[in-house]
Protein backbone atom coordinates (compact mmCIF):
# COMPACT_ATOMS: atom_id res chain seq x y z
CA MET A 1 -70.86 65.84 15.77
CA ARG A 2 -67.92 63.71 17.04
CA ILE A 3 -64.49 65.34 17.21
CA ASN A 4 -62.43 62.77 19.20
CA HIS A 5 -62.32 60.12 16.45
CA ASN A 6 -62.14 60.80 12.74
CA ILE A 7 -63.27 57.46 11.31
CA ALA A 8 -62.72 58.50 7.73
CA ALA A 9 -59.16 59.58 8.49
CA LEU A 10 -58.43 56.36 10.37
CA ASN A 11 -59.74 54.30 7.46
CA THR A 12 -57.65 56.28 5.03
CA TYR A 13 -54.58 55.84 7.21
CA ARG A 14 -55.18 52.07 7.46
CA GLN A 15 -55.55 51.75 3.73
CA LEU A 16 -52.40 53.83 3.22
CA THR A 17 -50.42 51.64 5.64
CA ALA A 18 -51.61 48.44 3.96
CA GLY A 19 -50.74 49.83 0.56
CA THR A 20 -47.33 50.94 1.75
CA ASN A 21 -46.62 47.49 3.23
CA ALA A 22 -47.78 45.76 0.07
CA ALA A 23 -45.65 48.06 -2.05
CA SER A 24 -42.67 47.43 0.24
CA LYS A 25 -43.08 43.66 -0.07
CA SER A 26 -43.47 43.93 -3.83
CA MET A 27 -40.33 46.05 -4.05
CA GLU A 28 -38.50 43.50 -1.89
CA LYS A 29 -39.61 40.65 -4.16
CA LEU A 30 -38.73 42.60 -7.30
CA SER A 31 -35.32 43.59 -5.99
CA SER A 32 -34.42 40.13 -4.63
CA GLY A 33 -36.07 38.13 -7.38
CA LEU A 34 -37.60 35.86 -4.76
CA ARG A 35 -41.25 35.30 -3.95
CA ILE A 36 -40.30 33.92 -0.54
CA ASN A 37 -37.87 36.09 1.42
CA ARG A 38 -38.95 35.04 4.90
CA ALA A 39 -41.00 32.27 6.44
CA GLY A 40 -44.01 34.56 6.74
CA ASP A 41 -44.22 34.87 2.96
CA ASP A 42 -44.97 31.14 2.57
CA ALA A 43 -44.04 28.85 5.45
CA ALA A 44 -44.67 25.56 3.64
CA GLY A 45 -43.08 26.81 0.44
CA LEU A 46 -39.97 27.92 2.35
CA ALA A 47 -39.58 24.47 3.97
CA ILE A 48 -39.92 22.69 0.63
CA SER A 49 -37.58 25.13 -1.05
CA GLU A 50 -34.86 24.70 1.57
CA LYS A 51 -35.02 20.91 1.21
CA MET A 52 -34.65 21.28 -2.53
CA ARG A 53 -31.73 23.68 -2.11
CA GLY A 54 -29.96 21.13 0.07
CA GLN A 55 -30.50 18.48 -2.59
CA ILE A 56 -29.33 20.76 -5.38
CA ARG A 57 -26.10 21.70 -3.63
CA GLY A 58 -25.55 18.08 -2.67
CA LEU A 59 -25.99 16.96 -6.28
CA GLU A 60 -23.61 19.62 -7.52
CA GLN A 61 -20.97 18.61 -4.98
CA ALA A 62 -21.51 14.94 -5.79
CA ALA A 63 -20.78 15.71 -9.44
CA ARG A 64 -17.54 17.38 -8.37
CA ASN A 65 -16.75 14.37 -6.19
CA ALA A 66 -17.24 12.06 -9.15
CA GLN A 67 -14.98 14.24 -11.26
CA ASP A 68 -12.31 14.04 -8.56
CA GLY A 69 -12.76 10.27 -8.60
CA ILE A 70 -12.15 10.24 -12.34
CA SER A 71 -9.00 12.25 -11.80
CA LEU A 72 -7.79 9.70 -9.25
CA ILE A 73 -8.54 6.83 -11.63
CA GLN A 74 -6.79 8.57 -14.50
CA THR A 75 -3.71 9.04 -12.33
CA ALA A 76 -3.61 5.34 -11.45
CA GLU A 77 -4.37 4.24 -15.00
CA GLY A 78 -1.67 6.48 -16.42
CA ALA A 79 0.89 4.90 -14.11
CA LEU A 80 -0.30 1.41 -15.07
CA ASN A 81 0.07 2.35 -18.72
CA GLU A 82 3.77 2.85 -18.08
CA THR A 83 3.91 -0.40 -16.11
CA HIS A 84 2.44 -2.12 -19.14
CA ALA A 85 5.11 -0.62 -21.37
CA ILE A 86 7.84 -1.81 -19.01
CA LEU A 87 6.41 -5.32 -18.88
CA GLN A 88 6.28 -5.47 -22.67
CA ARG A 89 9.94 -4.52 -22.80
CA MET A 90 10.77 -7.15 -20.16
CA ARG A 91 8.92 -9.78 -22.16
CA GLU A 92 10.83 -8.76 -25.25
CA LEU A 93 14.11 -9.18 -23.38
CA ALA A 94 13.03 -12.57 -22.05
CA VAL A 95 12.20 -13.78 -25.55
CA GLN A 96 15.56 -12.53 -26.75
CA ALA A 97 17.38 -14.26 -23.90
CA ALA A 98 15.53 -17.52 -24.54
CA ASN A 99 17.23 -17.78 -27.93
CA ASP A 100 20.40 -19.88 -27.83
CA THR A 101 22.19 -17.58 -30.22
CA ASN A 102 22.99 -15.71 -26.99
CA ASN A 103 25.66 -16.96 -24.64
CA ASN A 104 25.55 -16.60 -20.87
CA ASN A 105 27.45 -13.32 -20.98
CA ASP A 106 24.85 -11.87 -23.34
CA ARG A 107 22.05 -13.03 -21.08
CA ALA A 108 23.79 -11.53 -18.06
CA GLU A 109 23.77 -8.16 -19.79
CA LEU A 110 20.08 -8.54 -20.61
CA GLN A 111 19.41 -9.45 -16.98
CA LYS A 112 20.86 -6.10 -15.90
CA GLU A 113 18.13 -4.29 -17.81
CA ILE A 114 15.53 -6.66 -16.39
CA VAL A 115 16.62 -5.70 -12.87
CA GLN A 116 16.38 -1.99 -13.64
CA LEU A 117 12.96 -2.36 -15.23
CA ARG A 118 11.74 -4.41 -12.28
CA ASP A 119 12.95 -1.73 -9.88
CA GLU A 120 11.12 0.91 -11.91
CA ILE A 121 7.89 -1.07 -11.60
CA ASP A 122 8.40 -1.05 -7.83
CA ARG A 123 9.07 2.69 -7.87
CA ILE A 124 5.90 3.37 -9.87
CA SER A 125 3.90 1.22 -7.46
CA ASN A 126 5.31 2.96 -4.39
CA ASP A 127 5.34 6.55 -5.65
CA THR A 128 2.07 6.90 -7.58
CA GLU A 129 -0.15 9.20 -5.50
CA PHE A 130 -3.26 11.33 -5.73
CA ASN A 131 -3.53 14.05 -3.11
CA THR A 132 -0.87 12.22 -1.05
CA LYS A 133 -2.92 8.98 -1.19
CA LYS A 134 -0.95 5.98 -2.43
CA LEU A 135 -2.70 4.28 -5.33
CA LEU A 136 -0.71 1.26 -6.46
CA ASP A 137 1.08 0.01 -3.35
CA GLY A 138 -1.83 -2.13 -2.17
CA THR A 139 -3.21 0.47 0.24
CA LEU A 140 -6.47 0.48 -1.73
CA GLY A 141 -6.41 -3.26 -2.34
CA THR A 142 -7.89 -6.30 -0.64
CA LYS A 143 -5.86 -7.81 2.17
CA VAL A 144 -6.03 -10.93 4.24
CA ASP A 145 -4.08 -11.26 7.46
CA MET A 146 -2.04 -14.41 7.10
CA ASP A 147 1.70 -14.63 7.77
CA THR A 148 4.05 -17.62 7.65
CA ALA A 149 5.87 -16.14 10.64
CA ASN A 150 2.70 -16.68 12.64
CA THR A 151 3.61 -20.21 13.76
CA THR A 152 1.20 -20.40 16.69
CA LEU A 153 -1.89 -20.87 14.60
CA LEU A 154 -3.71 -23.70 16.31
CA THR A 155 -4.14 -24.41 19.99
CA ASN A 156 -6.37 -27.34 20.82
CA GLY A 157 -8.11 -26.95 17.53
CA ALA A 158 -8.73 -23.22 17.85
CA VAL A 159 -7.45 -20.69 15.35
CA ASP A 160 -5.60 -17.82 17.01
CA GLY A 161 -4.67 -15.96 13.87
CA ILE A 162 -3.64 -16.28 10.26
CA ASN A 163 -1.93 -13.49 8.38
CA TYR A 164 -1.67 -13.36 4.61
CA ASN A 165 -1.43 -10.60 2.06
CA GLY A 166 -3.04 -11.64 -1.18
CA GLY A 167 -5.40 -10.79 -3.97
CA LEU A 168 -8.41 -12.78 -2.83
CA LYS A 169 -11.86 -11.30 -2.96
CA ALA A 170 -13.22 -9.54 0.07
CA GLY A 171 -15.60 -11.66 2.07
CA THR A 172 -15.62 -14.52 4.55
CA TRP A 173 -14.25 -17.88 3.42
CA THR A 174 -14.64 -21.06 5.42
CA LEU A 175 -12.36 -24.10 5.31
CA THR A 176 -13.88 -27.38 6.49
CA GLY A 177 -12.43 -30.84 6.93
CA GLN A 178 -11.09 -33.36 9.42
CA GLY A 179 -7.49 -34.41 9.82
CA ASP A 180 -6.05 -35.48 6.49
CA GLY A 181 -7.64 -34.33 3.28
CA SER A 182 -8.89 -31.24 1.58
CA TYR A 183 -10.09 -27.95 2.96
CA THR A 184 -12.47 -26.37 0.51
CA LEU A 185 -13.61 -22.77 0.36
CA SER A 186 -17.28 -22.28 1.03
CA ASP A 187 -18.03 -21.48 -2.61
CA GLY A 188 -16.49 -24.79 -3.64
CA THR A 189 -14.26 -23.33 -6.32
CA VAL A 190 -10.82 -23.72 -4.77
CA THR A 191 -9.39 -26.61 -2.80
CA TYR A 192 -6.49 -26.36 -0.39
CA THR A 193 -4.76 -29.46 0.90
CA SER A 194 -3.56 -29.98 4.45
CA ASN A 195 -1.51 -32.82 5.89
CA ILE A 196 -2.07 -32.08 9.57
CA VAL A 197 -2.65 -35.46 11.15
CA ALA A 198 -1.72 -35.38 14.82
CA ALA A 199 -0.68 -33.26 17.75
CA GLY A 200 2.64 -31.53 17.24
CA THR A 201 2.87 -32.50 13.58
CA ALA A 202 4.05 -29.88 11.14
CA GLY A 203 2.00 -29.38 8.01
CA THR A 204 1.64 -27.16 4.99
CA LEU A 205 -1.42 -25.53 3.50
CA ASP A 206 -0.90 -24.82 -0.20
CA PHE A 207 -2.85 -22.06 -1.93
CA GLN A 208 -3.00 -23.35 -5.52
CA GLY A 209 0.68 -24.17 -5.27
CA LYS A 210 1.63 -20.51 -5.00
CA ILE A 211 1.47 -19.74 -1.29
CA SER A 212 2.45 -21.99 1.58
CA ILE A 213 1.69 -21.49 5.24
CA ALA A 214 3.70 -23.58 7.68
CA VAL A 215 1.75 -24.89 10.65
CA ASN A 216 3.69 -26.21 13.63
CA ASN A 217 1.56 -26.49 16.71
CA SER A 218 -0.58 -28.91 18.64
CA ILE A 219 -4.15 -29.46 17.52
CA ALA A 220 -4.69 -32.32 19.99
CA ASN A 221 -7.45 -34.66 18.86
CA ASP A 222 -9.90 -32.02 17.78
CA ASP A 223 -11.27 -31.82 14.27
CA LEU A 224 -10.45 -28.77 12.21
CA ASP A 225 -14.02 -27.88 11.24
CA GLY A 226 -15.15 -24.32 10.77
CA LEU A 227 -11.75 -22.70 10.22
CA THR A 228 -12.70 -19.24 9.01
CA ILE A 229 -10.56 -16.73 7.17
CA GLU A 230 -12.05 -13.27 7.07
CA ILE A 231 -10.86 -11.13 4.19
CA THR A 232 -11.09 -7.38 4.53
CA GLY A 233 -10.16 -4.59 2.19
CA ASN A 234 -9.26 -0.91 2.12
CA GLN A 235 -11.12 0.89 -0.61
CA ALA A 236 -11.49 4.37 -1.98
CA ILE A 237 -15.05 5.53 -1.38
CA PHE A 238 -16.54 8.00 -3.85
CA HIS A 239 -19.61 9.83 -2.53
CA ILE A 240 -21.62 10.35 -5.71
CA GLY A 241 -25.03 11.27 -4.33
CA ALA A 242 -26.72 14.06 -2.42
CA ASN A 243 -27.66 11.83 0.52
CA ALA A 244 -25.87 9.61 3.02
CA GLY A 245 -24.80 6.20 1.80
CA GLN A 246 -24.90 7.07 -1.90
CA THR A 247 -21.39 5.88 -2.62
CA THR A 248 -19.36 3.66 -4.88
CA THR A 249 -16.04 2.06 -4.06
CA LEU A 250 -12.76 1.43 -5.82
CA SER A 251 -10.07 -1.06 -4.88
CA ILE A 252 -6.70 -1.21 -6.61
CA ASN A 253 -4.46 -4.18 -5.96
CA ALA A 254 -0.74 -3.78 -5.39
CA MET A 255 1.13 -3.42 -8.66
CA ASP A 256 4.71 -3.91 -7.50
CA ALA A 257 6.99 -6.58 -8.95
CA SER A 258 6.38 -8.98 -6.09
CA SER A 259 2.60 -8.75 -6.40
CA LEU A 260 2.88 -9.23 -10.15
CA GLY A 261 5.01 -12.34 -9.64
CA ILE A 262 8.12 -11.04 -11.41
CA SER A 263 10.36 -10.05 -8.51
CA SER A 264 12.66 -13.05 -8.91
CA ILE A 265 12.75 -13.64 -12.66
CA ASP A 266 16.20 -14.37 -14.01
CA ILE A 267 16.94 -14.57 -17.72
CA SER A 268 20.64 -15.30 -17.31
CA THR A 269 19.95 -18.87 -18.44
CA GLN A 270 17.87 -20.23 -21.31
CA ALA A 271 15.54 -22.08 -18.95
CA GLY A 272 15.15 -19.03 -16.75
CA ALA A 273 14.36 -16.86 -19.74
CA ASP A 274 11.75 -19.34 -20.93
CA SER A 275 10.07 -19.34 -17.51
CA ALA A 276 10.27 -15.55 -17.37
CA ILE A 277 8.19 -15.25 -20.55
CA THR A 278 5.27 -16.98 -18.85
CA ALA A 279 5.67 -15.00 -15.61
CA ILE A 280 5.83 -11.67 -17.43
CA GLN A 281 2.84 -12.55 -19.59
CA ASN A 282 0.85 -13.33 -16.45
CA ALA A 283 1.92 -9.95 -15.04
CA ILE A 284 0.78 -8.23 -18.24
CA ASP A 285 -2.60 -9.95 -17.95
CA THR A 286 -2.88 -8.85 -14.32
CA VAL A 287 -2.18 -5.22 -15.17
CA SER A 288 -4.60 -5.42 -18.10
CA SER A 289 -7.33 -6.68 -15.78
CA GLU A 290 -6.65 -3.86 -13.31
CA ARG A 291 -6.73 -1.23 -16.05
CA ALA A 292 -9.96 -2.66 -17.44
CA LYS A 293 -11.51 -2.40 -13.97
CA LEU A 294 -10.39 1.21 -13.66
CA GLY A 295 -11.76 2.04 -17.09
CA ALA A 296 -15.12 0.50 -16.25
CA ILE A 297 -15.42 2.51 -13.04
CA GLN A 298 -14.35 5.69 -14.85
CA ASN A 299 -17.10 5.19 -17.43
CA ARG A 300 -19.59 4.64 -14.62
CA LEU A 301 -18.53 7.87 -12.92
CA GLU A 302 -18.86 9.79 -16.19
CA HIS A 303 -22.46 8.60 -16.53
CA SER A 304 -23.03 9.45 -12.86
CA ILE A 305 -21.87 13.01 -13.52
CA ASN A 306 -24.30 13.35 -16.43
CA ASN A 307 -27.16 12.08 -14.29
CA LEU A 308 -26.23 14.30 -11.34
CA ASN A 309 -26.08 17.39 -13.53
CA THR A 310 -29.45 16.57 -15.10
CA SER A 311 -31.03 15.97 -11.69
CA ALA A 312 -29.60 19.21 -10.32
CA GLU A 313 -30.92 21.13 -13.33
CA ASN A 314 -34.43 19.71 -13.01
CA LEU A 315 -34.53 20.23 -9.26
CA THR A 316 -33.34 23.81 -9.69
CA ALA A 317 -36.24 24.44 -12.06
CA SER A 318 -38.66 22.99 -9.52
CA GLU A 319 -37.22 25.10 -6.70
CA SER A 320 -37.43 28.18 -8.90
CA ARG A 321 -41.16 27.70 -9.45
CA ILE A 322 -41.67 27.64 -5.68
CA ARG A 323 -39.34 30.39 -4.54
CA ASP A 324 -38.67 32.77 -7.41
CA VAL A 325 -40.91 35.76 -8.02
CA ASP A 326 -43.21 36.14 -11.01
CA TYR A 327 -42.38 39.68 -12.12
CA ALA A 328 -45.62 40.04 -14.03
CA LEU A 329 -47.63 39.41 -10.88
CA ALA A 330 -45.34 41.24 -8.45
CA ALA A 331 -45.03 44.44 -10.48
């Protein structure tokens, strides 16, 4: 007879401890609703589940980001709606002033309203904001550094700098040519003419007859090949995905009177009123194009939100199958 070790009692105690631990884990799963509460429950399952949780929360935040983007677009588009209304009124006044039943005094009175409406367009452009971010002043638009005050452009054939604010597309454009003749953009769609012929000779580079850049510097005897203008832009970036780099961008060109080409319209004469009609119509078309772009991006973001919500829902279901407890089995 052995009295130092009671094997039966030890076995009973071991079974009791195992049962107690199992019951404790079952109670933990039942109370938390999770099959995996710690890495020891399922190491691989925990790792997969945590990755999915990161994706789910990222997708949910991306949907909120897209909604914020829509709010920004709606703010800008609402302001442009009022700009459109102002331009329509300005066009109406220009048509009225173009009629010779009005005398110069009548047209002068109409011009006063034109000035006020033009100033309101500038105010809308400068003051429209979303979360303190300017929307219509060109901050989110494409810019090229090119300035007529920059007279030292060429030194022995080298380009030191060109500054220009305009509505060209972002990218790199190359002008090529020698001496007299045309400088053509690399895509071949627009031609600019230059009359630079010799050292110290002043010349003008015309951008479709709208923008002139005075050049007054020596280019010696070098050819002017490979003149490159690099166009950069500031854009609003909407992060609409759960991972890095999943973004879309929005650029909004400046919508002030100067950018719309109506800053100097004068309907105090019949000829001026007639010219103003064309200028204002062009401005209306420009605003229409900008609003159409905003509407297209808004529709895209709305579809992005639908897709993000669907993806988050499906991924949540997948994560649930890995991590959540099956009450029928755990009970």
